[in-house]
Every structure is written in C-alpha cells, then in structure tokens.
Protein backbone atom coordinates (compact mmCIF):
# COMPACT_ATOMS: atom_id res chain seq x y z
CA UNK A 1 127.21 135.05 181.17
CA UNK A 2 130.31 133.13 182.24
CA UNK A 3 132.68 135.68 181.23
CA UNK A 4 131.06 138.50 182.90
CA UNK A 5 130.41 136.03 185.73
CA UNK A 6 134.24 135.16 186.13
CA UNK A 7 135.31 139.42 185.57
CA UNK A 8 133.35 140.18 188.72
CA UNK A 9 135.09 137.42 190.57
CA UNK A 10 138.12 138.61 189.57
CA UNK A 11 137.58 142.22 189.85
CA UNK A 12 136.10 141.61 193.06
CA UNK A 13 139.58 139.22 194.44
CA UNK A 14 141.72 142.18 193.33
CA UNK A 15 139.88 145.02 194.81
CA UNK A 16 139.88 143.11 198.39
CA UNK A 17 143.67 143.36 198.38
CA UNK A 18 143.75 146.91 196.91
CA UNK A 19 140.98 147.17 200.11
CA UNK A 20 143.25 145.69 202.69
CA UNK A 21 145.81 148.38 202.09
CA UNK A 22 144.15 150.93 201.56
CA UNK A 23 142.61 150.54 204.77
CA UNK A 24 145.75 151.80 206.17
CA UNK A 25 146.56 154.22 204.06
CA UNK A 26 143.46 156.08 204.98
CA UNK A 27 143.78 154.98 208.61
CA UNK A 28 147.11 156.78 208.87
CA UNK A 29 145.93 159.32 206.88
CA UNK A 30 143.10 160.05 208.95
CA UNK A 31 145.17 160.60 212.01
CA UNK A 32 148.27 162.88 211.17
CA UNK A 33 147.03 163.96 207.62
CA UNK A 34 150.41 162.00 205.72
CA UNK A 35 150.40 160.09 203.21
CA UNK A 36 152.62 157.50 203.92
CA UNK A 37 153.76 156.34 200.74
CA UNK A 38 156.09 153.96 202.59
CA UNK A 39 153.17 151.84 203.12
CA UNK A 40 153.33 149.93 200.23
CA UNK A 41 156.59 148.31 201.19
CA UNK A 42 155.51 147.35 204.85
CA UNK A 43 153.53 144.93 201.97
CA UNK A 44 157.32 143.83 201.08
CA UNK A 45 158.68 143.24 204.20
CA UNK A 46 154.85 140.96 204.74
CA UNK A 47 155.85 139.27 201.60
CA UNK A 48 159.17 138.01 202.59
CA UNK A 49 158.21 137.30 206.26
CA UNK A 50 155.98 135.18 204.79
CA UNK A 51 158.70 133.75 202.56
CA UNK A 52 160.78 132.47 205.22
CA UNK A 53 158.37 131.76 207.90
CA UNK A 54 156.05 129.21 205.89
CA UNK A 55 158.29 126.55 205.14
CA UNK A 56 158.90 126.93 208.74
CA UNK A 57 155.13 126.52 210.17
CA UNK A 58 154.79 123.80 207.29
CA UNK A 59 158.02 122.06 209.28
CA UNK A 60 156.31 121.82 212.00
CA UNK A 61 153.06 120.74 211.17
CA UNK A 62 150.80 123.87 211.13
CA UNK A 63 149.37 125.24 207.96
CA UNK A 64 151.24 127.55 206.46
CA UNK A 65 148.79 130.65 206.56
CA UNK A 66 149.55 130.36 210.35
CA UNK A 67 152.99 132.22 209.04
CA UNK A 68 150.36 135.33 208.24
CA UNK A 69 150.58 136.34 212.54
CA UNK A 70 154.13 136.73 213.20
CA UNK A 71 154.09 138.46 209.47
CA UNK A 72 151.47 140.67 210.98
CA UNK A 73 153.73 141.43 214.14
CA UNK A 74 157.00 141.88 211.84
CA UNK A 75 155.24 144.04 209.82
CA UNK A 76 153.60 146.59 212.79
CA UNK A 77 156.78 146.90 214.50
CA UNK A 78 158.38 148.03 211.07
CA UNK A 79 155.67 150.47 210.86
CA UNK A 80 156.23 151.65 214.35
CA UNK A 81 159.96 151.59 214.33
CA UNK A 82 159.16 154.05 210.72
CA UNK A 83 156.76 156.26 212.44
CA UNK A 84 158.55 156.83 215.43
CA UNK A 85 162.35 157.21 214.26
CA UNK A 86 161.17 158.93 210.95
CA UNK A 87 158.23 160.37 211.28
CA UNK A 88 157.82 161.54 214.56
CA UNK A 89 161.25 164.20 214.32
CA UNK A 90 160.01 165.32 211.15
CA UNK A 91 156.28 165.99 212.78
CA UNK A 92 157.77 167.95 215.44
CA UNK A 93 160.57 169.92 213.66
CA UNK A 94 158.61 169.85 209.74
CA UNK A 95 155.55 170.53 207.86
CA UNK A 96 153.22 168.60 205.85
CA UNK A 97 155.84 168.69 203.10
CA UNK A 98 158.71 167.42 204.82
CA UNK A 99 156.51 164.51 206.10
CA UNK A 100 155.82 164.12 203.02
CA UNK A 101 159.05 164.01 200.97
CA UNK A 102 159.71 161.81 204.57
CA UNK A 103 157.63 159.20 203.78
CA UNK A 104 159.02 159.42 199.86
CA UNK A 105 162.68 158.88 201.18
CA UNK A 106 161.35 155.82 203.48
CA UNK A 107 159.98 154.03 200.39
CA UNK A 108 162.85 153.94 199.26
CA UNK A 109 165.22 153.01 202.08
CA UNK A 110 163.02 150.22 203.11
CA UNK A 111 163.59 148.47 199.11
CA UNK A 112 167.25 149.21 199.28
CA UNK A 113 168.01 147.61 202.91
CA UNK A 114 165.73 144.46 201.57
CA UNK A 115 168.00 144.50 198.18
CA UNK A 116 171.04 144.76 200.72
CA UNK A 117 169.84 141.66 203.16
CA UNK A 118 171.97 138.51 201.31
CA UNK A 119 169.06 136.48 201.88
CA UNK A 120 166.73 138.39 200.21
CA UNK A 121 168.68 140.28 197.30
CA UNK A 122 167.30 141.96 194.22
CA UNK A 123 166.19 138.51 192.37
CA UNK A 124 162.45 137.53 192.94
CA UNK A 125 161.70 134.98 195.24
CA UNK A 126 158.71 132.04 195.27
CA UNK A 127 156.86 131.31 198.12
CA UNK A 128 154.97 128.04 198.89
CA UNK A 129 151.29 127.85 197.07
CA UNK A 130 148.40 128.49 199.55
CA UNK A 131 144.80 127.82 198.95
CA UNK A 132 145.75 126.48 195.25
CA UNK A 133 142.24 124.43 195.53
CA UNK A 134 139.45 125.85 193.28
CA UNK A 135 135.88 125.16 192.42
CA UNK A 136 134.14 124.98 189.36
CA UNK A 137 130.12 126.24 188.93
CA UNK A 138 128.19 126.32 186.06
CA UNK A 139 131.84 126.97 183.71
CA UNK A 140 132.55 129.66 186.47
CA UNK A 141 135.97 128.77 188.42
CA UNK A 142 136.82 130.13 191.34
CA UNK A 143 139.62 129.48 193.66
CA UNK A 144 140.08 129.08 197.45
CA UNK A 145 142.07 131.85 197.48
CA UNK A 146 139.66 134.27 196.12
CA UNK A 147 137.07 133.27 198.40
CA UNK A 148 139.40 133.59 201.39
CA UNK A 149 140.59 136.94 200.10
CA UNK A 150 137.16 138.29 199.81
CA UNK A 151 135.82 136.62 203.09
CA UNK A 152 138.71 137.91 204.75
CA UNK A 153 138.81 141.80 203.60
CA UNK A 154 135.37 141.85 204.17
CA UNK A 155 135.43 140.68 208.08
CA UNK A 156 138.86 143.09 208.58
CA UNK A 157 136.58 146.00 207.66
CA UNK A 158 133.84 145.56 209.64
CA UNK A 159 136.22 144.31 212.61
CA UNK A 160 137.86 147.60 212.10
CA UNK A 161 135.08 149.55 212.18
CA UNK A 162 133.49 148.67 215.36
CA UNK A 163 136.65 148.95 216.45
CA UNK A 164 137.34 152.57 215.95
CA UNK A 165 133.58 153.23 216.66
CA UNK A 166 133.79 151.05 220.14
CA UNK A 167 136.62 150.39 221.35
CA UNK A 168 138.97 153.12 223.88
CA UNK A 169 141.49 153.27 221.45
CA UNK A 170 139.46 153.60 218.39
CA UNK A 171 137.51 156.81 220.08
CA UNK A 172 141.03 157.92 220.86
CA UNK A 173 141.86 157.63 216.98
CA UNK A 174 139.00 159.72 216.55
CA UNK A 175 139.44 161.97 218.73
CA UNK A 176 142.82 163.00 217.28
CA UNK A 177 141.55 162.87 213.58
CA UNK A 178 138.88 165.53 214.73
CA UNK A 179 140.95 167.55 216.75
CA UNK A 180 144.31 166.83 218.00
CA UNK A 181 144.76 170.13 219.89
CA UNK A 182 141.23 169.37 222.10
CA UNK A 183 142.15 165.96 222.38
CA UNK A 184 145.30 166.48 224.06
CA UNK A 185 143.02 168.42 225.96
CA UNK A 186 140.95 165.74 227.17
CA UNK A 187 143.80 163.84 228.03
CA UNK A 188 144.09 161.45 225.13
CA UNK A 189 148.02 160.35 224.05
CA UNK A 190 148.57 161.45 221.01
CA UNK A 191 151.73 160.20 220.09
CA UNK A 192 150.79 156.57 221.59
CA UNK A 193 147.39 156.46 219.25
CA UNK A 194 149.34 157.35 216.23
CA UNK A 195 152.01 154.80 216.94
CA UNK A 196 149.44 152.76 217.67
CA UNK A 197 147.67 153.54 214.01
CA UNK A 198 150.97 153.04 212.23
CA UNK A 199 150.69 149.59 213.77
CA UNK A 200 147.55 148.56 213.03
CA UNK A 201 147.75 149.67 209.66
CA UNK A 202 151.15 147.66 208.68
CA UNK A 203 149.68 144.56 210.24
CA UNK A 204 147.21 144.62 207.60
CA UNK A 205 149.57 145.18 205.24
CA UNK A 206 150.61 141.27 206.03
CA UNK A 207 147.49 140.02 205.79
CA UNK A 208 147.25 141.75 201.79
CA UNK A 209 150.77 140.45 201.37
CA UNK A 210 149.34 136.91 202.18
CA UNK A 211 146.23 137.03 199.60
CA UNK A 212 148.34 138.60 197.11
CA UNK A 213 150.57 135.78 197.19
CA UNK A 214 148.24 133.34 197.54
CA UNK A 215 147.09 134.56 194.38
CA UNK A 216 150.71 135.67 192.59
CA UNK A 217 153.01 133.46 194.12
CA UNK A 218 155.85 135.67 193.49
CA UNK A 219 158.03 138.20 196.26
CA UNK A 220 160.59 140.82 195.47
CA UNK A 221 161.63 144.05 197.03
CA UNK A 222 159.46 146.35 194.73
CA UNK A 223 156.23 144.55 194.73
CA UNK A 224 154.78 146.85 197.16
CA UNK A 225 154.98 150.15 195.10
CA UNK A 226 152.53 149.43 192.51
CA UNK A 227 150.48 147.63 194.34
CA UNK A 228 151.11 150.90 196.85
CA UNK A 229 150.12 152.85 194.16
CA UNK A 230 146.82 151.29 193.21
CA UNK A 231 145.87 150.83 197.13
CA UNK A 232 146.65 155.03 197.37
CA UNK A 233 144.15 155.41 194.39
CA UNK A 234 141.50 153.23 195.85
CA UNK A 235 142.02 155.18 199.06
CA UNK A 236 141.51 158.69 197.56
CA UNK A 237 138.44 157.73 195.22
CA UNK A 238 136.91 156.13 197.79
CA UNK A 239 137.40 159.00 200.28
CA UNK A 240 140.27 159.19 202.11
CA UNK A 241 139.89 159.20 205.83
CA UNK A 242 137.10 156.83 205.62
CA UNK A 243 137.16 153.13 206.39
CA UNK A 244 134.19 152.38 204.15
CA UNK A 245 135.09 154.74 201.22
CA UNK A 246 138.84 152.53 201.63
CA UNK A 247 136.93 149.57 200.84
CA UNK A 248 134.54 151.00 198.19
CA UNK A 249 137.40 152.77 196.55
CA UNK A 250 139.72 149.65 196.55
CA UNK A 251 136.74 146.98 194.70
CA UNK A 252 136.14 149.86 191.85
CA UNK A 253 139.74 149.99 191.54
CA UNK A 254 139.68 145.88 190.97
CA UNK A 255 136.34 146.40 188.95
CA UNK A 256 137.48 148.57 186.42
CA UNK A 257 140.90 146.36 186.11
CA UNK A 258 138.96 143.50 185.63
CA UNK A 259 136.38 144.71 183.29
CA UNK A 260 139.51 146.09 181.20
CA UNK A 261 141.55 143.63 181.12
CA UNK A 262 138.22 141.24 179.68
CA UNK A 263 136.85 143.12 177.43
CA UNK A 264 139.31 146.10 176.11
CA UNK A 265 143.04 145.12 176.81
CA UNK A 266 144.97 144.45 179.68
CA UNK A 267 148.05 147.53 178.33
CA UNK A 268 145.05 149.76 178.71
CA UNK A 269 143.66 149.22 182.57
CA UNK A 270 145.78 151.62 184.47
CA UNK A 271 144.05 154.47 181.54
CA UNK A 272 140.91 153.52 182.62
CA UNK A 273 142.03 153.34 186.53
CA UNK A 274 143.15 156.86 186.47
CA UNK A 275 140.04 158.35 184.21
CA UNK A 276 137.86 156.93 186.56
CA UNK A 277 139.80 158.45 189.28
CA UNK A 278 139.67 161.65 187.92
CA UNK A 279 136.23 161.58 186.44
CA UNK A 280 134.82 160.81 190.38
CA UNK A 281 136.92 163.67 191.81
CA UNK A 282 135.63 165.84 189.40
CA UNK A 283 132.33 164.87 190.68
CA UNK A 284 133.06 164.62 194.12
CA UNK A 285 136.49 165.64 194.99
CA UNK A 286 136.61 164.25 198.18
CA UNK A 287 135.58 161.08 197.13
CA UNK A 288 132.72 158.61 196.78
CA UNK A 289 132.44 158.71 200.63
CA UNK A 290 134.61 161.78 201.43
CA UNK A 291 133.65 164.74 203.57
CA UNK A 292 133.96 168.03 201.87
CA UNK A 293 135.25 170.13 205.01
CA UNK A 294 135.44 173.77 204.41
CA UNK A 295 138.70 175.96 205.27
CA UNK A 296 139.16 178.49 208.04
CA UNK A 297 140.33 181.42 206.65
C-alpha cells in the first residue's frame, strides 16, 4: 500500500510539471493552430534564468523561489520575440508546413545560441536546491517540492481557465481561436492577441522550470527537448486546444511513467506512454477532452 501511494504521489508530481508545459502548447495551438516545438526550449531559458537569478535573490536576503518572477518576464520576452521575428513573418507568407518547420528550426536556434554563450556552454549546471524539506506520514515520504508543484499547477490551471473565460484578453483569445476572420471584423487585434498568448505560455514555462529543477537540480541546454516531447504528448492525449485537457493529459502521462517505473521497468516507461497515447487516439482521435470538428468540403 505504501508503494502504491508513493507511486501516485510521484505520478502527480511529474504530471503537474508536464501539465504546466502542456498548457503553453495548447494555448498556442488553440489560437493559431501551430505546434510550437520551440516551447520546450523556453523551459531551458527559464532554467538558466533561475540558475543565475537565484543566487542574486538569496544574496539579497530574499527567498530563492522569488527569482521565478523575473524568470517569467525573461521567458515571456523570449516567447514574444520568437513570435514577432520568426512565426509572424512565416504566417503571413507561408503555410502550416512552413510554420511547423520554422518552429523546429527555432528550437535548434535557441539551444545552439545558449551553448554559444560563454557563461552557459554545453556542460550542465547545478542550481541551488530549493524546497528540500520533506515530511513522512505512515512510511510515505513527501517532499515540499512535490506538494508545491501539485498545488501551483492546480492554482495556475484554475487561474488560467478563469482568465480565458472572464477577462477581455481571454475572450479575445477565444474569439481568435474560434474564427480569426470574424474576430478581425469584430475589432479584435489578432496580432496583439497572439503575441500575448505566446508571452503567457512562455512565462508558464519558467514556472515549470522552477518546479522541475526543485526536484531534479540540473540545468542543461537540451533539457527542454525531452520535457517538451512529454508535454506535447500530454497536450495531444488530453485534447490539444483544451486547457483542462492539457492538465489531464499531463497528469495521465505522469501516472503512466510512475506506474511503469515502480512496477515494471524504468526502461519501458516511454514505451507505455506512447502505447497509451495510441490507444486513446484510436478510441478518441481528438483526445480525452478534445472536440471532433467536422471539416467543411
């Protein structure tokens, strides 16, 4: 029983990180139908921002986790620059395929730019350890990082949902997602809405980076690649374009990985993740909470 509870807690911890990243994927896809493969590298930007900022904040006598605030701003700026300089020109002159290729190219550009910076380089960095305390109840050990990760993910999910439903910018996002041409006719500034969406999604990546390095204290230039793939799978599994679906998909992926690592073999975790994805998509092609949309002919 203790082993089972421990596996559930680990699954929720992993799934909460994936869910935070998947929210960024699903927001961008929902509004411009683009799989932003560079989103995983925003996590890398957030990780290195935290690596350099945490010692500064601790040196000032402030909690290290407060460094996530400027890290979110840095990631948001990078996300908006990527949209402004790379994606927007391609959207105007290209098609969905060229946009997808541009997204893949931007992922490599960000990774290689990071490696070219002398203070970063190709070698991994070890950041300060945060939220290292833990509690034990009935033989089950739970770290404070795990509790904070799960709570923060849930709060952000709820806040983001209400933001998209109630705020003016959120309603504009939903309008552009539903019908971009109609949104333009209604006076919505589509480019302004899209760049804000990129900023919010990239900012969430910095929060995900904080939660990740609190559990796995290592930062490296390709860290976003694997995390980005898991988050993309989570977004597709839950129903890409759906915020609750992204959260659910992230938790499902985390639970599957934890279950496989605990009861089968860690080397088989990826296999089972993709098997679950295939089975779910065979039953529900749009994902668990996705909506099947008929195509006009």
